[in-house]
């Protein structure tokens, strides 16, 4: 008997209909075009920090990054039912790419008053962006690694682990701002986060 897979429970492996495949392909293509346009403007100087906030180039850049993030994260949120992923992904992407394009890079260390807000904004943007990227793969990998069914489809676990990845990325920014970014410091942060996650898995029950 052919095994049927329930979409409601978030299981993977079901065969999408030809229509859904075409929709997914269309959304992926549009997202790729938007990402390519935004990154092209960012890397090759399509935007300028000296432009006014309502300049046409800036408006095009804003539209491209929001569209790229929305077309990337919204279908994934609907597929895995990861509530809030699209909002966090769009916000993190927009904040990160805006900061890279229009905020002057810091020249002093983290505790210098003029540059402290820049480090804080960058750390927040990196946290949201990296956690949003990490959440779907962590949820999918957990479905294959865990034997207990409740743990395999525990979206709260995937969200927590994604936040830990984002926290690690944010700590890298903080360590760089403190001029203490070394392999030993990063390894120590990884160890602390890893031990914390082991404790979470040991003492926190999966969501029902």
N, C-alpha and C. Protein backbone atom coordinates (compact mmCIF):
# COMPACT_ATOMS: atom_id res chain seq x y z
N UNK A 1 0.85 -1.19 0.00
CA UNK A 1 0.00 0.00 0.00
C UNK A 1 0.88 1.24 0.00
N UNK A 2 0.53 2.18 -0.84
CA UNK A 2 1.31 3.40 -0.93
C UNK A 2 1.10 4.26 0.29
N UNK A 3 2.19 4.67 0.84
CA UNK A 3 2.13 5.43 2.07
C UNK A 3 1.75 6.87 1.78
N UNK A 4 0.73 7.37 2.44
CA UNK A 4 0.31 8.77 2.29
C UNK A 4 0.95 9.59 3.39
N UNK A 5 1.30 10.78 3.08
CA UNK A 5 1.97 11.65 4.02
C UNK A 5 1.07 12.83 4.32
N UNK A 6 0.92 13.13 5.60
CA UNK A 6 0.03 14.21 6.02
C UNK A 6 0.77 15.53 5.98
N UNK A 7 0.22 16.48 5.23
CA UNK A 7 0.80 17.81 5.19
C UNK A 7 0.51 18.59 6.47
N UNK A 8 -0.62 18.28 7.09
CA UNK A 8 -1.01 19.01 8.29
C UNK A 8 0.01 18.83 9.40
N UNK A 9 0.67 17.64 9.46
CA UNK A 9 1.62 17.38 10.52
C UNK A 9 3.03 17.76 10.12
N UNK A 10 3.16 18.36 8.96
CA UNK A 10 4.44 18.89 8.59
C UNK A 10 5.41 17.88 8.04
N UNK A 11 4.93 16.69 7.69
CA UNK A 11 5.84 15.68 7.20
C UNK A 11 6.25 16.02 5.78
N UNK A 12 7.46 15.60 5.43
CA UNK A 12 7.96 15.85 4.10
C UNK A 12 7.95 14.57 3.32
N UNK A 13 8.02 14.69 2.01
CA UNK A 13 8.06 13.51 1.18
C UNK A 13 6.84 13.38 0.30
N UNK A 14 5.81 14.23 0.48
CA UNK A 14 4.64 14.15 -0.36
C UNK A 14 4.96 14.71 -1.73
N UNK A 15 4.29 14.21 -2.74
CA UNK A 15 4.52 14.65 -4.11
C UNK A 15 3.59 15.81 -4.43
N UNK A 16 4.13 17.01 -4.71
CA UNK A 16 3.28 18.14 -5.00
C UNK A 16 2.62 17.99 -6.36
N UNK A 17 1.50 18.63 -6.52
CA UNK A 17 0.82 18.60 -7.80
C UNK A 17 1.58 19.42 -8.81
N UNK A 18 1.36 19.18 -10.15
CA UNK A 18 2.05 19.98 -11.16
C UNK A 18 1.81 21.47 -11.01
N UNK A 19 0.59 21.86 -10.58
CA UNK A 19 0.31 23.27 -10.39
C UNK A 19 1.17 23.85 -9.29
N UNK A 20 1.28 23.13 -8.16
CA UNK A 20 2.09 23.65 -7.06
C UNK A 20 3.56 23.71 -7.45
N UNK A 21 4.01 22.76 -8.25
CA UNK A 21 5.39 22.82 -8.72
C UNK A 21 5.64 24.05 -9.56
N UNK A 22 4.68 24.37 -10.43
CA UNK A 22 4.84 25.55 -11.27
C UNK A 22 4.83 26.82 -10.42
N UNK A 23 3.99 26.85 -9.39
CA UNK A 23 3.94 28.03 -8.51
C UNK A 23 5.25 28.17 -7.75
N UNK A 24 5.75 27.06 -7.22
CA UNK A 24 7.02 27.11 -6.48
C UNK A 24 8.15 27.56 -7.40
N UNK A 25 8.18 27.04 -8.61
CA UNK A 25 9.21 27.43 -9.57
C UNK A 25 9.11 28.92 -9.91
N UNK A 26 7.88 29.41 -10.08
CA UNK A 26 7.69 30.83 -10.38
C UNK A 26 8.15 31.70 -9.23
N UNK A 27 7.76 31.34 -8.00
CA UNK A 27 8.17 32.12 -6.84
C UNK A 27 9.69 32.10 -6.67
N UNK A 28 10.30 30.93 -6.88
CA UNK A 28 11.75 30.83 -6.76
C UNK A 28 12.45 31.70 -7.80
N UNK A 29 11.90 31.71 -9.01
CA UNK A 29 12.49 32.53 -10.07
C UNK A 29 12.39 34.02 -9.74
N UNK A 30 11.21 34.44 -9.28
CA UNK A 30 11.03 35.85 -8.91
C UNK A 30 11.95 36.23 -7.74
N UNK A 31 12.05 35.33 -6.77
CA UNK A 31 12.93 35.61 -5.64
C UNK A 31 14.38 35.74 -6.11
N UNK A 32 14.81 34.85 -7.01
CA UNK A 32 16.18 34.93 -7.53
C UNK A 32 16.44 36.23 -8.26
N UNK A 33 15.47 36.68 -9.04
CA UNK A 33 15.62 37.94 -9.77
C UNK A 33 15.74 39.11 -8.77
N UNK A 34 14.89 39.11 -7.76
CA UNK A 34 14.94 40.19 -6.77
C UNK A 34 16.25 40.18 -6.00
N UNK A 35 16.71 38.98 -5.59
CA UNK A 35 18.00 38.89 -4.89
C UNK A 35 19.14 39.37 -5.77
N UNK A 36 19.12 38.96 -7.04
CA UNK A 36 20.18 39.38 -7.95
C UNK A 36 20.19 40.89 -8.12
N UNK A 37 19.01 41.49 -8.26
CA UNK A 37 18.94 42.94 -8.42
C UNK A 37 19.42 43.67 -7.19
N UNK A 38 18.98 43.21 -6.00
CA UNK A 38 19.38 43.89 -4.76
C UNK A 38 20.88 43.78 -4.52
N UNK A 39 21.43 42.58 -4.70
CA UNK A 39 22.86 42.39 -4.47
C UNK A 39 23.71 43.12 -5.51
N UNK A 40 23.20 43.20 -6.73
CA UNK A 40 23.91 43.95 -7.76
C UNK A 40 23.99 45.43 -7.39
N UNK A 41 22.87 45.99 -6.92
CA UNK A 41 22.88 47.40 -6.51
C UNK A 41 23.76 47.61 -5.28
N UNK A 42 23.80 46.62 -4.38
CA UNK A 42 24.62 46.76 -3.18
C UNK A 42 26.10 46.68 -3.49
N UNK A 43 26.50 45.70 -4.32
CA UNK A 43 27.92 45.44 -4.55
C UNK A 43 28.53 46.40 -5.56
N UNK A 44 27.79 46.68 -6.63
CA UNK A 44 28.34 47.48 -7.72
C UNK A 44 27.88 48.94 -7.71
N UNK A 45 27.44 49.40 -6.56
CA UNK A 45 27.23 50.83 -6.41
C UNK A 45 25.96 51.38 -6.99
N UNK A 46 24.90 50.58 -7.02
CA UNK A 46 23.64 51.11 -7.51
C UNK A 46 22.95 52.02 -6.53
N UNK A 47 23.41 51.99 -5.25
CA UNK A 47 22.85 52.86 -4.22
C UNK A 47 23.99 53.67 -3.62
N UNK A 48 23.64 54.84 -3.12
CA UNK A 48 24.64 55.77 -2.59
C UNK A 48 24.14 56.30 -1.26
N UNK A 49 25.04 56.30 -0.25
CA UNK A 49 24.66 56.81 1.08
C UNK A 49 24.28 58.28 1.05
N UNK A 50 24.79 59.00 0.07
CA UNK A 50 24.53 60.44 0.02
C UNK A 50 23.20 60.77 -0.65
N UNK A 51 22.52 59.79 -1.21
CA UNK A 51 21.25 60.06 -1.86
C UNK A 51 20.19 60.40 -0.83
N UNK A 52 19.20 61.21 -1.18
CA UNK A 52 18.08 61.44 -0.27
C UNK A 52 17.27 60.16 -0.08
N UNK A 53 16.51 60.11 1.02
CA UNK A 53 15.79 58.89 1.37
C UNK A 53 14.72 58.51 0.35
N UNK A 54 14.22 59.49 -0.41
CA UNK A 54 13.18 59.19 -1.39
C UNK A 54 13.73 59.13 -2.81
N UNK A 55 15.05 58.98 -2.97
CA UNK A 55 15.63 58.88 -4.30
C UNK A 55 15.12 57.62 -4.99
N UNK A 56 14.92 57.67 -6.32
CA UNK A 56 14.39 56.49 -7.04
C UNK A 56 15.23 55.24 -6.84
N UNK A 57 16.56 55.40 -6.82
CA UNK A 57 17.42 54.23 -6.66
C UNK A 57 17.20 53.57 -5.31
N UNK A 58 17.05 54.40 -4.29
CA UNK A 58 16.79 53.84 -2.96
C UNK A 58 15.45 53.12 -2.90
N UNK A 59 14.44 53.71 -3.49
CA UNK A 59 13.13 53.09 -3.47
C UNK A 59 13.16 51.74 -4.19
N UNK A 60 13.86 51.68 -5.32
CA UNK A 60 13.98 50.41 -6.04
C UNK A 60 14.71 49.39 -5.17
N UNK A 61 15.75 49.81 -4.48
CA UNK A 61 16.51 48.92 -3.61
C UNK A 61 15.63 48.40 -2.47
N UNK A 62 14.86 49.27 -1.85
CA UNK A 62 13.97 48.85 -0.77
C UNK A 62 12.96 47.81 -1.28
N UNK A 63 12.37 48.08 -2.43
CA UNK A 63 11.37 47.17 -2.98
C UNK A 63 11.99 45.81 -3.29
N UNK A 64 13.20 45.82 -3.84
CA UNK A 64 13.86 44.57 -4.20
C UNK A 64 14.18 43.71 -2.98
N UNK A 65 14.70 44.33 -1.92
CA UNK A 65 15.08 43.51 -0.77
C UNK A 65 13.85 42.99 -0.03
N UNK A 66 12.79 43.79 0.06
CA UNK A 66 11.59 43.31 0.73
C UNK A 66 10.92 42.21 -0.10
N UNK A 67 10.86 42.40 -1.41
CA UNK A 67 10.27 41.38 -2.28
C UNK A 67 11.08 40.10 -2.24
N UNK A 68 12.41 40.22 -2.28
CA UNK A 68 13.27 39.03 -2.25
C UNK A 68 13.06 38.25 -0.96
N UNK A 69 13.04 38.94 0.18
CA UNK A 69 12.87 38.26 1.46
C UNK A 69 11.47 37.65 1.57
N UNK A 70 10.45 38.39 1.15
CA UNK A 70 9.08 37.87 1.25
C UNK A 70 8.89 36.64 0.36
N UNK A 71 9.41 36.68 -0.86
CA UNK A 71 9.28 35.54 -1.77
C UNK A 71 10.12 34.36 -1.33
N UNK A 72 11.13 34.60 -0.51
CA UNK A 72 11.96 33.51 0.00
C UNK A 72 11.35 32.86 1.23
N UNK A 73 10.96 33.66 2.20
CA UNK A 73 10.57 33.12 3.49
C UNK A 73 9.09 32.77 3.60
N UNK A 74 8.22 33.47 2.89
CA UNK A 74 6.79 33.19 3.02
C UNK A 74 6.42 31.78 2.56
N UNK A 75 6.86 31.32 1.37
CA UNK A 75 6.53 29.94 0.99
C UNK A 75 7.09 28.90 1.95
N UNK A 76 8.28 29.16 2.51
CA UNK A 76 8.87 28.21 3.46
C UNK A 76 8.05 28.18 4.75
N UNK A 77 7.60 29.35 5.21
CA UNK A 77 6.75 29.38 6.41
C UNK A 77 5.47 28.58 6.20
N UNK A 78 4.87 28.72 5.04
CA UNK A 78 3.63 27.99 4.76
C UNK A 78 3.89 26.49 4.62
N UNK A 79 5.03 26.13 4.03
CA UNK A 79 5.34 24.72 3.83
C UNK A 79 5.55 24.00 5.16
N UNK A 80 6.34 24.60 6.07
CA UNK A 80 6.68 23.96 7.34
C UNK A 80 5.84 24.46 8.50
N UNK A 81 4.95 25.43 8.25
CA UNK A 81 4.11 26.00 9.30
C UNK A 81 4.95 26.57 10.45
N UNK A 82 6.01 27.27 10.08
CA UNK A 82 6.87 27.93 11.05
C UNK A 82 6.38 29.36 11.24
N UNK A 83 5.44 29.54 12.13
CA UNK A 83 4.78 30.82 12.32
C UNK A 83 5.79 31.92 12.66
N UNK A 84 5.69 33.03 11.95
CA UNK A 84 6.55 34.17 12.22
C UNK A 84 7.83 34.20 11.42
N UNK A 85 8.12 33.12 10.68
CA UNK A 85 9.38 33.06 9.94
C UNK A 85 9.44 34.17 8.88
N UNK A 86 8.35 34.40 8.17
CA UNK A 86 8.36 35.40 7.10
C UNK A 86 8.60 36.80 7.67
N UNK A 87 7.95 37.13 8.77
CA UNK A 87 8.12 38.47 9.36
C UNK A 87 9.56 38.66 9.82
N UNK A 88 10.11 37.67 10.52
CA UNK A 88 11.48 37.79 11.00
C UNK A 88 12.47 37.80 9.84
N UNK A 89 12.22 36.98 8.82
CA UNK A 89 13.11 36.95 7.68
C UNK A 89 13.11 38.25 6.90
N UNK A 90 11.93 38.82 6.67
CA UNK A 90 11.85 40.09 5.95
C UNK A 90 12.50 41.20 6.76
N UNK A 91 12.19 41.25 8.05
CA UNK A 91 12.75 42.31 8.89
C UNK A 91 14.26 42.19 8.97
N UNK A 92 14.78 40.97 9.20
CA UNK A 92 16.22 40.78 9.31
C UNK A 92 16.93 41.08 8.01
N UNK A 93 16.37 40.63 6.89
CA UNK A 93 16.99 40.90 5.59
C UNK A 93 17.01 42.38 5.28
N UNK A 94 15.87 43.05 5.48
CA UNK A 94 15.79 44.48 5.19
C UNK A 94 16.76 45.27 6.07
N UNK A 95 16.80 44.94 7.35
CA UNK A 95 17.69 45.68 8.26
C UNK A 95 19.16 45.44 7.91
N UNK A 96 19.50 44.20 7.58
CA UNK A 96 20.89 43.88 7.25
C UNK A 96 21.34 44.57 5.96
N UNK A 97 20.54 44.45 4.90
CA UNK A 97 20.94 45.04 3.63
C UNK A 97 20.86 46.56 3.67
N UNK A 98 19.94 47.11 4.45
CA UNK A 98 19.92 48.57 4.62
C UNK A 98 21.19 49.04 5.33
N UNK A 99 21.57 48.33 6.38
CA UNK A 99 22.76 48.72 7.14
C UNK A 99 24.01 48.63 6.27
N UNK A 100 24.12 47.55 5.50
CA UNK A 100 25.29 47.40 4.63
C UNK A 100 25.36 48.47 3.56
N UNK A 101 24.20 48.92 3.09
CA UNK A 101 24.18 49.88 1.99
C UNK A 101 24.33 51.32 2.45
N UNK A 102 23.71 51.68 3.57
CA UNK A 102 23.58 53.09 3.90
C UNK A 102 24.21 53.52 5.22
N UNK A 103 24.59 52.61 6.07
CA UNK A 103 25.18 52.98 7.35
C UNK A 103 26.70 52.93 7.22
N UNK A 104 27.40 54.02 7.51
CA UNK A 104 28.86 54.00 7.43
C UNK A 104 29.46 52.95 8.36
N UNK A 105 30.45 52.21 7.90
CA UNK A 105 31.04 51.18 8.75
C UNK A 105 31.74 51.80 9.96
N UNK A 106 31.72 51.12 11.10
CA UNK A 106 32.37 51.66 12.30
C UNK A 106 33.89 51.67 12.13
N UNK A 107 34.50 52.64 12.74
CA UNK A 107 35.95 52.77 12.69
C UNK A 107 36.61 52.55 14.04
N UNK A 108 35.82 52.62 15.11
CA UNK A 108 36.35 52.42 16.46
C UNK A 108 35.82 51.10 17.02
N UNK A 109 36.10 50.84 18.28
CA UNK A 109 35.65 49.59 18.87
C UNK A 109 34.24 49.72 19.40
N UNK A 110 33.72 48.61 19.93
CA UNK A 110 32.30 48.50 20.28
C UNK A 110 31.84 49.55 21.28
N UNK A 111 32.67 49.84 22.28
CA UNK A 111 32.27 50.74 23.36
C UNK A 111 32.49 52.21 23.03
N UNK A 112 32.90 52.51 21.82
CA UNK A 112 33.02 53.91 21.42
C UNK A 112 31.63 54.47 21.15
N UNK A 113 31.24 55.57 21.80
CA UNK A 113 29.85 56.07 21.67
C UNK A 113 29.36 56.26 20.24
N UNK A 114 30.16 56.82 19.32
CA UNK A 114 29.60 57.00 17.96
C UNK A 114 29.32 55.70 17.22
N UNK A 115 30.10 54.66 17.53
CA UNK A 115 29.99 53.42 16.77
C UNK A 115 29.20 52.33 17.47
N UNK A 116 28.90 52.49 18.75
CA UNK A 116 28.16 51.46 19.49
C UNK A 116 26.80 51.16 18.87
N UNK A 117 26.01 52.18 18.47
CA UNK A 117 24.71 51.87 17.84
C UNK A 117 24.85 51.10 16.53
N UNK A 118 25.91 51.35 15.77
CA UNK A 118 26.11 50.63 14.51
C UNK A 118 26.33 49.15 14.78
N UNK A 119 27.19 48.85 15.76
CA UNK A 119 27.42 47.45 16.12
C UNK A 119 26.14 46.80 16.62
N UNK A 120 25.35 47.53 17.40
CA UNK A 120 24.11 46.97 17.95
C UNK A 120 23.13 46.65 16.83
N UNK A 121 22.96 47.58 15.88
CA UNK A 121 22.03 47.35 14.77
C UNK A 121 22.52 46.20 13.90
N UNK A 122 23.81 46.16 13.63
CA UNK A 122 24.35 45.08 12.81
C UNK A 122 24.18 43.72 13.48
N UNK A 123 24.43 43.65 14.79
CA UNK A 123 24.27 42.40 15.51
C UNK A 123 22.81 41.94 15.49
N UNK A 124 21.88 42.87 15.67
CA UNK A 124 20.46 42.52 15.63
C UNK A 124 20.06 42.03 14.25
N UNK A 125 20.52 42.72 13.20
CA UNK A 125 20.18 42.32 11.84
C UNK A 125 20.75 40.95 11.52
N UNK A 126 21.99 40.71 11.90
CA UNK A 126 22.61 39.41 11.63
C UNK A 126 21.90 38.31 12.40
N UNK A 127 21.48 38.61 13.65
CA UNK A 127 20.75 37.62 14.45
C UNK A 127 19.48 37.19 13.75
N UNK A 128 18.65 38.15 13.33
CA UNK A 128 17.38 37.80 12.70
C UNK A 128 17.58 37.13 11.35
N UNK A 129 18.52 37.64 10.58
CA UNK A 129 18.74 37.08 9.24
C UNK A 129 19.26 35.65 9.33
N UNK A 130 20.27 35.40 10.15
CA UNK A 130 20.85 34.06 10.24
C UNK A 130 19.88 33.07 10.87
N UNK A 131 19.13 33.49 11.89
CA UNK A 131 18.17 32.58 12.51
C UNK A 131 17.05 32.22 11.53
N UNK A 132 16.63 33.18 10.71
CA UNK A 132 15.59 32.90 9.73
C UNK A 132 16.08 31.92 8.67
N UNK A 133 17.33 32.08 8.24
CA UNK A 133 17.88 31.14 7.26
C UNK A 133 18.06 29.75 7.85
N UNK A 134 18.41 29.68 9.13
CA UNK A 134 18.72 28.40 9.75
C UNK A 134 17.49 27.60 10.15
N UNK A 135 16.38 28.27 10.41
CA UNK A 135 15.21 27.58 10.96
C UNK A 135 14.67 26.48 10.07
N UNK A 136 14.40 26.70 8.78
CA UNK A 136 13.86 25.59 7.95
C UNK A 136 14.80 24.40 7.85
N UNK A 137 16.12 24.58 7.59
CA UNK A 137 17.00 23.40 7.55
C UNK A 137 17.05 22.66 8.87
N UNK A 138 17.05 23.38 9.99
CA UNK A 138 17.08 22.70 11.29
C UNK A 138 15.81 21.89 11.52
N UNK A 139 14.68 22.44 11.12
CA UNK A 139 13.42 21.69 11.26
C UNK A 139 13.43 20.44 10.38
N UNK A 140 13.91 20.58 9.14
CA UNK A 140 13.93 19.44 8.22
C UNK A 140 14.93 18.38 8.69
N UNK A 141 16.11 18.82 9.14
CA UNK A 141 17.12 17.86 9.61
C UNK A 141 16.63 17.14 10.86
N UNK A 142 15.94 17.87 11.74
CA UNK A 142 15.41 17.23 12.95
C UNK A 142 14.42 16.13 12.66
N UNK A 143 13.70 16.22 11.54
CA UNK A 143 12.76 15.17 11.18
C UNK A 143 13.48 13.87 10.84
N UNK A 144 14.73 13.95 10.45
CA UNK A 144 15.49 12.75 10.11
C UNK A 144 16.37 12.25 11.25
N UNK A 145 16.77 13.16 12.14
CA UNK A 145 17.70 12.77 13.20
C UNK A 145 17.01 12.19 14.42
N UNK A 146 15.86 12.76 14.79
CA UNK A 146 15.20 12.34 16.03
C UNK A 146 14.28 11.16 15.76
N UNK A 147 14.28 10.23 16.68
CA UNK A 147 13.40 9.06 16.58
C UNK A 147 12.03 9.32 17.18
N UNK A 148 11.99 10.09 18.27
CA UNK A 148 10.72 10.39 18.91
C UNK A 148 9.90 11.31 18.03
N UNK A 149 8.67 10.92 17.73
CA UNK A 149 7.85 11.68 16.80
C UNK A 149 7.61 13.11 17.27
N UNK A 150 7.32 13.28 18.56
CA UNK A 150 7.06 14.62 19.09
C UNK A 150 8.29 15.51 18.94
N UNK A 151 9.47 14.95 19.09
CA UNK A 151 10.68 15.73 18.95
C UNK A 151 10.96 16.04 17.49
N UNK A 152 10.65 15.11 16.59
CA UNK A 152 10.92 15.31 15.17
C UNK A 152 10.13 16.49 14.61
N UNK A 153 8.88 16.64 15.03
CA UNK A 153 8.02 17.69 14.49
C UNK A 153 7.82 18.83 15.49
N UNK A 154 8.82 19.01 16.35
CA UNK A 154 8.76 20.08 17.35
C UNK A 154 9.27 21.38 16.73
N UNK A 155 8.37 22.25 16.35
CA UNK A 155 8.77 23.53 15.74
C UNK A 155 9.42 24.46 16.75
N UNK A 156 9.05 24.30 18.01
CA UNK A 156 9.67 25.13 19.04
C UNK A 156 11.16 24.80 19.17
N UNK A 157 11.50 23.53 19.03
CA UNK A 157 12.91 23.13 19.04
C UNK A 157 13.67 23.77 17.88
N UNK A 158 13.09 23.70 16.68
CA UNK A 158 13.75 24.28 15.52
C UNK A 158 13.93 25.78 15.68
N UNK A 159 12.93 26.45 16.22
CA UNK A 159 13.04 27.90 16.42
C UNK A 159 14.12 28.21 17.44
N UNK A 160 14.16 27.46 18.53
CA UNK A 160 15.18 27.71 19.56
C UNK A 160 16.58 27.50 18.99
N UNK A 161 16.78 26.41 18.27
CA UNK A 161 18.10 26.14 17.70
C UNK A 161 18.48 27.19 16.66
N UNK A 162 17.50 27.67 15.89
CA UNK A 162 17.78 28.73 14.92
C UNK A 162 18.19 30.02 15.64
N UNK A 163 17.53 30.33 16.74
CA UNK A 163 17.92 31.51 17.51
C UNK A 163 19.33 31.35 18.08
N UNK A 164 19.70 30.14 18.41
CA UNK A 164 21.07 29.91 18.90
C UNK A 164 22.08 30.16 17.80
N UNK A 165 21.76 29.75 16.56
CA UNK A 165 22.64 30.05 15.43
C UNK A 165 22.74 31.56 15.23
N UNK A 166 21.59 32.25 15.29
CA UNK A 166 21.60 33.70 15.16
C UNK A 166 22.37 34.36 16.28
N UNK A 167 22.24 33.82 17.49
CA UNK A 167 22.98 34.38 18.62
C UNK A 167 24.49 34.22 18.43
N UNK A 168 24.89 33.07 17.89
CA UNK A 168 26.31 32.87 17.61
C UNK A 168 26.82 33.89 16.59
N UNK A 169 26.05 34.11 15.53
CA UNK A 169 26.45 35.10 14.52
C UNK A 169 26.52 36.50 15.12
N UNK A 170 25.57 36.84 16.00
CA UNK A 170 25.58 38.16 16.64
C UNK A 170 26.79 38.30 17.56
N UNK A 171 27.16 37.22 18.25
CA UNK A 171 28.33 37.27 19.12
C UNK A 171 29.61 37.48 18.33
N UNK A 172 29.65 36.95 17.11
CA UNK A 172 30.82 37.19 16.26
C UNK A 172 30.97 38.69 15.98
N UNK A 173 29.84 39.36 15.71
CA UNK A 173 29.88 40.82 15.50
C UNK A 173 30.34 41.53 16.77
N UNK A 174 29.83 41.09 17.91
CA UNK A 174 30.20 41.72 19.18
C UNK A 174 31.68 41.51 19.48
N UNK A 175 32.16 40.29 19.27
CA UNK A 175 33.58 40.01 19.51
C UNK A 175 34.46 40.83 18.57
N UNK A 176 34.02 40.98 17.32
CA UNK A 176 34.78 41.80 16.39
C UNK A 176 34.81 43.25 16.85
N UNK A 177 33.68 43.73 17.38
CA UNK A 177 33.65 45.11 17.89
C UNK A 177 34.51 45.31 19.11
N UNK A 178 34.68 44.26 19.91
CA UNK A 178 35.53 44.34 21.09
C UNK A 178 37.00 44.05 20.79
N UNK A 179 37.27 43.78 19.50
CA UNK A 179 38.63 43.45 19.05
C UNK A 179 39.14 42.17 19.72
N UNK A 180 38.23 41.24 19.97
CA UNK A 180 38.60 39.96 20.61
C UNK A 180 38.14 38.77 19.78
N UNK A 181 37.96 38.98 18.49
CA UNK A 181 37.49 37.90 17.62
C UNK A 181 38.65 36.97 17.30
N UNK A 182 38.71 35.86 18.01
CA UNK A 182 39.74 34.85 17.82
C UNK A 182 39.07 33.49 17.74
N UNK A 183 39.74 32.49 17.16
CA UNK A 183 39.15 31.14 17.12
C UNK A 183 38.81 30.61 18.50
N UNK A 184 39.63 30.93 19.49
CA UNK A 184 39.36 30.45 20.85
C UNK A 184 38.09 31.06 21.40
N UNK A 185 37.90 32.36 21.18
CA UNK A 185 36.70 33.03 21.67
C UNK A 185 35.44 32.47 20.99
N UNK A 186 35.52 32.27 19.68
CA UNK A 186 34.37 31.71 18.96
C UNK A 186 34.09 30.28 19.43
N UNK A 187 35.14 29.49 19.61
CA UNK A 187 34.95 28.12 20.08
C UNK A 187 34.31 28.10 21.47
N UNK A 188 34.68 29.04 22.30
CA UNK A 188 34.08 29.11 23.64
C UNK A 188 32.60 29.43 23.57
N UNK A 189 32.23 30.38 22.69
CA UNK A 189 30.81 30.71 22.52
C UNK A 189 30.04 29.51 21.97
N UNK A 190 30.63 28.81 21.00
CA UNK A 190 29.99 27.62 20.44
C UNK A 190 29.79 26.57 21.53
N UNK A 191 30.79 26.40 22.38
CA UNK A 191 30.69 25.42 23.47
C UNK A 191 29.57 25.78 24.43
N UNK A 192 29.48 27.05 24.79
CA UNK A 192 28.43 27.48 25.73
C UNK A 192 27.05 27.26 25.13
N UNK A 193 26.87 27.64 23.88
CA UNK A 193 25.58 27.47 23.23
C UNK A 193 25.26 26.00 23.05
N UNK A 194 26.27 25.20 22.70
CA UNK A 194 26.04 23.76 22.54
C UNK A 194 25.62 23.09 23.84
N UNK A 195 26.28 23.43 24.94
CA UNK A 195 25.91 22.86 26.24
C UNK A 195 24.50 23.29 26.63
N UNK A 196 24.17 24.55 26.37
CA UNK A 196 22.83 25.03 26.68
C UNK A 196 21.78 24.26 25.88
N UNK A 197 22.05 23.98 24.61
CA UNK A 197 21.09 23.25 23.79
C UNK A 197 20.93 21.81 24.28
N UNK A 198 22.02 21.17 24.71
CA UNK A 198 21.92 19.82 25.27
C UNK A 198 21.02 19.83 26.51
N UNK A 199 21.16 20.83 27.35
CA UNK A 199 20.31 20.95 28.53
C UNK A 199 18.86 21.18 28.13
N UNK A 200 18.63 22.01 27.12
CA UNK A 200 17.27 22.24 26.65
C UNK A 200 16.64 20.94 26.17
N UNK A 201 17.39 20.17 25.39
CA UNK A 201 16.85 18.91 24.87
C UNK A 201 16.59 17.90 25.99
N UNK A 202 17.36 18.00 27.07
CA UNK A 202 17.23 17.04 28.16
C UNK A 202 16.05 17.36 29.08
N UNK A 203 15.78 18.64 29.28
CA UNK A 203 14.82 19.02 30.31
C UNK A 203 13.55 19.67 29.78
N UNK A 204 13.53 20.08 28.52
CA UNK A 204 12.33 20.73 27.98
C UNK A 204 11.59 19.73 27.10
N UNK A 205 10.35 19.49 27.42
CA UNK A 205 9.54 18.58 26.64
C UNK A 205 9.14 19.20 25.31
N UNK A 206 9.05 18.40 24.24
CA UNK A 206 8.60 18.95 22.95
C UNK A 206 7.17 19.43 23.03
N UNK A 207 6.84 20.39 22.16
CA UNK A 207 5.48 20.91 22.15
C UNK A 207 4.51 19.81 21.72
N UNK A 208 3.29 19.81 22.26
CA UNK A 208 2.35 18.74 21.90
C UNK A 208 1.90 18.85 20.45
